[in-house]
Amino acid sequence: MYTCICNAIRECDLRQAARQHCGDAESLYGKLGKRPNCGQCLDEANELIAEERAALRAPMAAA
């Protein structure tokens, strides 16, 4: 599924970037060689990033 239609950024690409880099959606778009255009995707993108990072922390918290 596409998170950002303007830049053709898929959800899986954004989740992978969230696991490898810090920052918000705008900075991760930059890591992907893109930049926000219309901005309608940024709220959803930031939610996906937070969700992905929380999932990374969960196994560590259980240990």
C-alpha atoms as a PDB file:
ATOM      1  CA  MET A   1       0.000   0.000   0.000  1.00  0.00           C
ATOM      2  CA  TYR A   2       1.218   3.509  -0.759  1.00  0.00           C
ATOM      3  CA  THR A   3       1.644   5.911   2.133  1.00  0.00           C
ATOM      4  CA  CYS A   4       2.655   8.836  -0.071  1.00  0.00           C
ATOM      5  CA  ILE A   5       1.058   8.953  -3.502  1.00  0.00           C
ATOM      6  CA  CYS A   6       3.001  12.056  -4.623  1.00  0.00           C
ATOM      7  CA  ASN A   7       6.346  10.287  -4.123  1.00  0.00           C
ATOM      8  CA  ALA A   8       5.209   6.673  -4.572  1.00  0.00           C
ATOM      9  CA  ILE A   9       6.494   5.772  -1.083  1.00  0.00           C
ATOM     10  CA  ARG A  10       5.139   2.419  -0.010  1.00  0.00           C
ATOM     11  CA  GLU A  11       4.320   1.568   3.590  1.00  0.00           C
ATOM     12  CA  CYS A  12       6.952  -1.186   3.641  1.00  0.00           C
ATOM     13  CA  ASP A  13       9.646   1.263   2.451  1.00  0.00           C
ATOM     14  CA  LEU A  14       8.717   3.757   5.151  1.00  0.00           C
ATOM     15  CA  ARG A  15       8.708   1.072   7.856  1.00  0.00           C
ATOM     16  CA  GLN A  16      12.143  -0.122   6.757  1.00  0.00           C
ATOM     17  CA  ALA A  17      13.475   3.442   6.823  1.00  0.00           C
ATOM     18  CA  ALA A  18      12.013   3.901  10.323  1.00  0.00           C
ATOM     19  CA  ARG A  19      13.978   0.870  11.518  1.00  0.00           C
ATOM     20  CA  GLN A  20      17.232   2.178  10.048  1.00  0.00           C
ATOM     21  CA  HIS A  21      17.086   5.930  10.656  1.00  0.00           C
ATOM     22  CA  CYS A  22      15.842   8.325  13.308  1.00  0.00           C
ATOM     23  CA  GLY A  23      13.703  11.371  12.692  1.00  0.00           C
ATOM     24  CA  ASP A  24      10.203  12.204  11.599  1.00  0.00           C
ATOM     25  CA  ALA A  25       8.449  11.557   8.301  1.00  0.00           C
ATOM     26  CA  GLU A  26      10.021  14.524   6.538  1.00  0.00           C
ATOM     27  CA  SER A  27      13.554  13.432   7.442  1.00  0.00           C
ATOM     28  CA  LEU A  28      12.836   9.824   6.443  1.00  0.00           C
ATOM     29  CA  TYR A  29      11.465  10.988   3.121  1.00  0.00           C
ATOM     30  CA  GLY A  30      14.829  12.704   2.637  1.00  0.00           C
ATOM     31  CA  LYS A  31      16.625   9.423   3.384  1.00  0.00           C
ATOM     32  CA  LEU A  32      14.526   7.878   0.628  1.00  0.00           C
ATOM     33  CA  GLY A  33      15.562  10.660  -1.750  1.00  0.00           C
ATOM     34  CA  LYS A  34      12.150  12.333  -1.650  1.00  0.00           C
ATOM     35  CA  ARG A  35      10.483  15.321  -0.028  1.00  0.00           C
ATOM     36  CA  PRO A  36       6.872  15.947   0.961  1.00  0.00           C
ATOM     37  CA  ASN A  37       4.823  17.610  -1.747  1.00  0.00           C
ATOM     38  CA  CYS A  38       1.216  18.122  -0.699  1.00  0.00           C
ATOM     39  CA  GLY A  39       1.797  16.992   2.916  1.00  0.00           C
ATOM     40  CA  GLN A  40      -1.450  15.051   3.269  1.00  0.00           C
ATOM     41  CA  CYS A  41       0.466  11.866   4.061  1.00  0.00           C
ATOM     42  CA  LEU A  42       2.637  13.217   6.884  1.00  0.00           C
ATOM     43  CA  ASP A  43       0.268  12.445   9.778  1.00  0.00           C
ATOM     44  CA  GLU A  44      -0.209   8.859   8.637  1.00  0.00           C
ATOM     45  CA  ALA A  45       3.503   8.491   7.894  1.00  0.00           C
ATOM     46  CA  ASN A  46       4.444   9.704  11.381  1.00  0.00           C
ATOM     47  CA  GLU A  47       1.971   7.234  12.899  1.00  0.00           C
ATOM     48  CA  LEU A  48       3.522   4.362  10.917  1.00  0.00           C
ATOM     49  CA  ILE A  49       6.995   5.428  12.006  1.00  0.00           C
ATOM     50  CA  ALA A  50       5.968   5.557  15.670  1.00  0.00           C
ATOM     51  CA  GLU A  51       4.269   2.156  15.357  1.00  0.00           C
ATOM     52  CA  GLU A  52       7.344   0.592  13.774  1.00  0.00           C
ATOM     53  CA  ARG A  53       9.701   2.002  16.399  1.00  0.00           C
ATOM     54  CA  ALA A  54       7.412   0.867  19.221  1.00  0.00           C
ATOM     55  CA  ALA A  55       7.501  -2.648  17.777  1.00  0.00           C
ATOM     56  CA  LEU A  56      11.300  -2.520  17.794  1.00  0.00           C
ATOM     57  CA  ARG A  57      11.358  -1.521  21.466  1.00  0.00           C
ATOM     58  CA  ALA A  58       8.785  -4.113  22.575  1.00  0.00           C
ATOM     59  CA  PRO A  59      11.136  -7.164  22.541  1.00  0.00           C
ATOM     60  CA  MET A  60      13.742  -5.195  24.501  1.00  0.00           C
ATOM     61  CA  ALA A  61      11.200  -4.164  27.125  1.00  0.00           C
ATOM     62  CA  ALA A  62      10.113  -7.769  27.614  1.00  0.00           C
ATOM     63  CA  ALA A  63      13.665  -8.921  28.320  1.00  0.00           C
END
